[in-house]
Protein backbone atom coordinates (compact mmCIF):
# COMPACT_ATOMS: atom_id res chain seq x y z
CA MET A 1 177.12 149.71 132.24
CA THR A 2 174.87 151.22 129.70
CA VAL A 3 177.30 150.39 126.84
CA ARG A 4 177.80 146.78 128.32
CA THR A 5 174.14 146.59 128.13
CA SER A 6 172.92 147.95 124.68
CA MET A 7 175.63 145.53 123.52
CA ASN A 8 173.92 142.82 125.47
CA ASP A 9 170.58 143.42 123.86
CA ILE A 10 172.01 144.07 120.27
CA ASN A 11 173.63 140.49 120.41
CA SER A 12 170.32 139.12 121.96
CA LEU A 13 168.88 140.47 118.67
CA ASN A 14 171.53 138.93 116.57
CA LYS A 15 170.23 135.62 117.92
CA PHE A 16 166.67 135.99 116.42
CA LEU A 17 167.97 137.70 113.77
CA GLY A 18 167.50 134.57 111.54
CA ILE A 19 164.01 133.79 112.88
CA PHE A 20 162.64 137.72 112.18
CA ILE A 21 163.80 137.18 108.44
CA SER A 22 162.88 133.66 107.77
CA LEU A 23 158.95 134.83 109.33
CA ILE A 24 159.23 137.67 106.85
CA ILE A 25 159.91 135.78 103.87
CA ILE A 26 157.39 133.00 104.43
CA SER A 27 154.58 135.44 105.77
CA LEU A 28 155.18 137.35 102.76
CA TRP A 29 154.81 134.25 100.50
CA PHE A 30 151.47 133.47 101.93
CA PHE A 31 150.32 136.71 101.54
CA SER A 32 150.80 137.29 98.16
CA LEU A 33 149.78 133.88 97.42
CA LYS A 34 146.09 135.01 99.08
CA TYR A 35 146.22 138.17 96.73
CA CYS A 36 147.35 136.44 93.81
CA LEU A 37 144.81 133.11 93.93
CA PHE A 38 141.72 136.04 93.34
CA TYR A 39 143.48 138.29 91.10
CA ASP A 40 142.01 138.61 88.21
CA ILE A 41 144.10 138.17 85.71
CA CYS A 42 141.80 138.57 82.26
CA GLY A 43 140.29 141.97 84.06
CA SER A 44 143.63 143.22 85.16
CA LYS A 45 146.36 145.07 82.83
CA LYS A 46 148.57 142.38 81.44
CA ILE A 47 151.79 144.95 82.14
CA PHE A 48 151.24 144.21 85.89
CA LEU A 49 151.55 140.03 84.78
CA PRO A 50 155.37 139.47 84.41
CA PHE A 51 156.09 141.74 87.29
CA ILE A 52 153.43 139.87 89.79
CA ILE A 53 154.86 136.31 88.66
CA PHE A 54 158.64 137.83 89.43
CA ILE A 55 157.32 138.65 92.67
CA ARG A 56 156.25 135.27 93.65
CA THR A 57 159.02 133.33 92.13
CA PHE A 58 161.63 135.53 94.29
CA LEU A 59 159.24 135.02 97.63
CA GLN A 60 159.09 131.10 96.14
CA THR A 61 163.11 131.07 96.00
CA GLY A 62 163.21 132.58 99.80
CA LEU A 63 161.36 129.69 100.85
CA PHE A 64 164.17 127.57 99.74
CA ILE A 65 166.82 129.72 100.64
CA THR A 66 165.39 129.77 104.23
CA ALA A 67 165.32 125.76 104.05
CA HIS A 68 169.07 125.54 103.07
CA ASP A 69 169.98 128.27 106.12
CA ALA A 70 168.24 125.90 108.26
CA MET A 71 170.23 122.79 106.47
CA HIS A 72 173.11 125.07 107.93
CA GLU A 73 171.71 125.50 111.35
CA THR A 74 172.36 129.46 110.93
CA ILE A 75 168.40 130.51 111.63
CA PHE A 76 168.60 129.85 115.18
CA THR A 77 171.99 128.81 116.35
CA GLU A 78 170.55 127.90 120.07
CA ASN A 79 168.36 125.52 118.72
CA GLN A 80 168.60 122.76 116.04
CA LYS A 81 164.74 122.15 116.62
CA ILE A 82 163.76 125.29 115.78
CA ASN A 83 165.97 125.01 112.43
CA CYS A 84 164.47 121.78 111.69
CA LEU A 85 161.22 123.39 112.16
CA ILE A 86 161.46 126.33 110.06
CA GLY A 87 163.13 124.30 107.22
CA SER A 88 160.87 121.24 107.27
CA THR A 89 158.05 123.91 106.65
CA SER A 90 160.21 126.26 104.30
CA THR A 91 160.15 122.56 101.78
CA THR A 92 156.70 121.95 102.09
CA LEU A 93 155.50 125.19 101.30
CA TYR A 94 158.17 125.21 98.24
CA ALA A 95 157.01 122.20 96.70
CA PHE A 96 156.10 119.32 99.41
CA LEU A 97 159.74 118.72 99.60
CA MET A 98 160.91 116.07 102.50
CA TYR A 99 163.15 118.10 104.44
CA LYS A 100 165.53 115.77 105.90
CA PRO A 101 166.59 113.90 102.48
CA LEU A 102 167.33 117.14 101.10
CA LEU A 103 169.03 117.71 103.89
CA VAL A 104 171.34 114.70 103.68
CA LYS A 105 171.91 114.87 100.05
CA HIS A 106 172.86 118.70 100.92
CA LYS A 107 175.71 117.70 103.22
CA LEU A 108 176.62 115.32 100.69
CA HIS A 109 177.24 118.35 98.00
CA HIS A 110 179.43 120.13 100.79
CA SER A 111 181.45 117.23 101.29
CA TYR A 112 182.31 116.36 97.73
CA PRO A 113 181.45 118.54 95.79
CA SER A 114 181.99 118.70 91.81
CA SER A 115 182.48 114.47 92.50
CA ALA A 116 180.23 111.10 91.52
CA SER A 117 179.72 111.75 95.39
CA ASP A 118 177.71 114.90 95.06
CA PRO A 119 174.03 114.31 93.99
CA ASP A 120 174.76 117.85 92.11
CA PHE A 121 177.44 116.89 90.35
CA TYR A 122 176.59 116.51 86.25
CA ASP A 123 179.27 113.90 84.29
CA GLY A 124 179.08 115.26 80.69
CA GLN A 125 181.98 116.65 79.12
CA LYS A 126 180.48 120.09 78.51
CA PRO A 127 177.84 122.07 80.94
CA ILE A 128 174.69 121.40 78.52
CA ILE A 129 172.57 123.38 80.97
CA LEU A 130 168.72 122.01 80.21
CA SER A 131 170.69 118.29 80.59
CA TRP A 132 172.31 119.33 83.69
CA TYR A 133 168.97 121.07 85.16
CA PHE A 134 167.17 117.35 84.45
CA LYS A 135 169.37 115.56 85.81
CA PHE A 136 169.91 117.97 88.78
CA MET A 137 166.21 117.58 89.37
CA LYS A 138 166.02 113.75 89.18
CA SER A 139 168.49 113.23 91.67
CA TYR A 140 166.18 115.09 94.24
CA PHE A 141 163.08 113.35 93.15
CA GLU A 142 162.78 110.11 94.14
CA PRO A 143 159.77 107.78 93.91
CA LYS A 144 158.45 108.58 97.20
CA GLN A 145 159.39 112.16 96.89
CA ILE A 146 157.22 112.88 93.37
CA TRP A 147 154.08 110.78 94.94
CA ILE A 148 154.27 113.40 97.76
CA VAL A 149 154.46 116.09 95.48
CA ILE A 150 151.66 114.74 93.00
CA GLY A 151 149.62 114.51 96.37
CA GLY A 152 150.30 117.70 97.16
CA ILE A 153 149.43 119.28 93.96
CA SER A 154 146.29 117.80 93.90
CA PHE A 155 145.04 118.26 97.35
CA VAL A 156 145.80 121.82 96.57
CA PHE A 157 144.04 122.05 93.26
CA ALA A 158 140.98 120.24 94.78
CA LEU A 159 141.02 122.63 97.40
CA GLY A 160 140.99 125.41 95.18
CA TYR A 161 138.03 124.18 93.25
CA ALA A 162 136.06 124.18 96.44
CA LEU A 163 137.36 127.29 97.34
CA ASN A 164 135.84 128.48 94.08
CA ILE A 165 139.82 129.60 92.81
CA SER A 166 140.59 129.15 89.28
CA ASN A 167 142.65 126.90 88.11
CA LEU A 168 144.34 129.82 86.08
CA ASN A 169 145.37 131.77 89.18
CA LEU A 170 147.26 128.32 90.96
CA ILE A 171 148.84 127.43 87.60
CA THR A 172 150.22 131.27 87.15
CA PHE A 173 150.86 132.41 90.61
CA TRP A 174 151.71 128.98 92.25
CA ILE A 175 152.94 126.38 89.67
CA LEU A 176 154.57 128.70 87.44
CA PRO A 177 157.04 130.29 90.11
CA MET A 178 157.70 127.20 91.36
CA ILE A 179 158.73 126.09 88.34
CA LEU A 180 160.92 129.29 87.67
CA SER A 181 162.16 129.10 91.25
CA SER A 182 163.60 125.79 90.58
CA PHE A 183 165.49 126.70 87.30
CA GLN A 184 166.55 129.83 89.33
CA LEU A 185 168.46 128.24 92.10
CA PHE A 186 169.74 125.77 89.65
CA TYR A 187 171.39 128.59 87.75
CA PHE A 188 172.86 130.72 90.42
CA GLY A 189 173.32 127.81 92.90
CA THR A 190 174.57 124.76 90.69
CA PHE A 191 175.33 125.65 86.95
CA LEU A 192 177.12 128.86 87.37
CA PRO A 193 178.88 128.15 90.28
CA HIS A 194 179.98 124.69 89.87
CA ARG A 195 180.37 124.18 85.97
CA ARG A 196 183.83 122.94 85.24
CA THR A 197 186.23 125.63 82.84
CA VAL A 198 188.95 124.95 81.31
CA GLN A 199 191.15 127.08 83.75
CA GLY A 200 189.72 123.96 86.07
CA TYR A 201 188.57 124.40 89.75
CA ILE A 202 191.14 126.21 91.98
CA ASP A 203 190.23 124.56 95.83
CA ARG A 204 188.76 122.04 97.45
CA HIS A 205 185.29 123.84 97.46
CA CYS A 206 185.01 123.66 93.33
CA ALA A 207 182.72 126.52 93.48
CA ARG A 208 183.02 130.15 92.00
CA SER A 209 181.21 133.25 92.93
CA THR A 210 179.90 135.80 90.16
CA GLY A 211 180.57 139.12 89.99
CA TYR A 212 177.36 140.98 90.81
CA SER A 213 176.93 143.90 93.02
CA ALA A 214 175.16 142.87 96.87
CA PHE A 215 172.03 144.63 95.23
CA TRP A 216 171.79 142.47 91.75
CA SER A 217 173.31 139.19 93.75
CA PHE A 218 169.88 139.68 96.19
CA LEU A 219 167.66 140.24 93.04
CA ALA A 220 169.41 137.20 91.32
CA CYS A 221 168.82 134.66 93.67
CA TYR A 222 169.40 136.10 97.43
CA HIS A 223 173.78 136.36 96.97
CA PHE A 224 173.46 132.36 95.99
CA GLY A 225 175.77 133.48 93.23
CA TYR A 226 178.67 134.41 96.16
CA HIS A 227 178.73 130.28 96.37
CA TRP A 228 182.44 130.46 97.41
CA GLU A 229 181.79 132.36 99.94
CA HIS A 230 179.40 129.84 101.32
CA HIS A 231 181.58 126.93 100.65
CA ALA A 232 184.17 128.60 102.48
CA TYR A 233 181.81 129.65 104.93
CA PRO A 234 178.60 127.48 105.10
CA ASN A 235 177.55 128.82 108.36
CA THR A 236 177.28 132.24 107.32
CA PRO A 237 173.18 132.93 106.88
CA TRP A 238 172.65 134.12 102.99
CA TYR A 239 171.96 137.58 104.14
CA ARG A 240 175.76 138.70 105.58
CA LEU A 241 177.47 136.40 102.53
CA PRO A 242 178.14 140.37 100.81
CA LEU A 243 179.85 141.62 103.91
CA LEU A 244 181.28 138.02 104.02
CA ARG A 245 182.62 139.03 100.32
CA HIS A 246 184.27 142.30 101.34
CA ASN A 247 186.23 140.71 103.45
CA VAL A 248 187.87 137.41 102.38
CA PRO A 249 189.11 136.67 99.48
CA SER A 250 187.25 134.75 97.08
CA SER A 251 187.00 133.52 93.08
CA ARG A 252 184.79 135.00 91.03
CA ILE A 253 183.30 133.65 87.68
């Protein structure tokens, strides 16, 4: 009875693990932003600045990874509304992005990877990274989305002015991490795994995985580099991908 009760408790905790991890990422993003907005850039040692920007970028990326798990209904499998709530909250905090259009396009990406129907697809003869990046960004920023982003950013800067927050801090610790994060997600989640090589693709997923260890994979992009595993088993949350990788064959870059 004790063993069975313990197992039930563990299973119950596992149900809420996705929510718990999501709330940690969102909370760390908030608290770090609050600290950084009042950080004395000019009066502090510049040696710490790159590290702080890295942390802010990493947490910014975490917001999108959280939204990405919500799209695959892995944050809380018991309730789709909770997934959507956390997903839409994360995309809004990330860059004032609309969750539902992102969800539709992401489903297309999984259904038709590396084809004309894939919004992440690059039809150039060679995978030129900057050309692909700008095409990738353009495919997700339709006119309505652009105006929402502009309006949201303008509102934040106006609020910052009212609260006597330096524009330099907003640019350094909010706008810059947003831009760096977009490239990080593109590089590890689209360019590396989906670029066409001479050997071509080995299966319908049209994806490969990086050979990074679990530690470096986490630091690189929350295991987004284990991309073949993600496409083969899309209902696996990001933090379980290393375990999955050890248990199934994969395709490495």
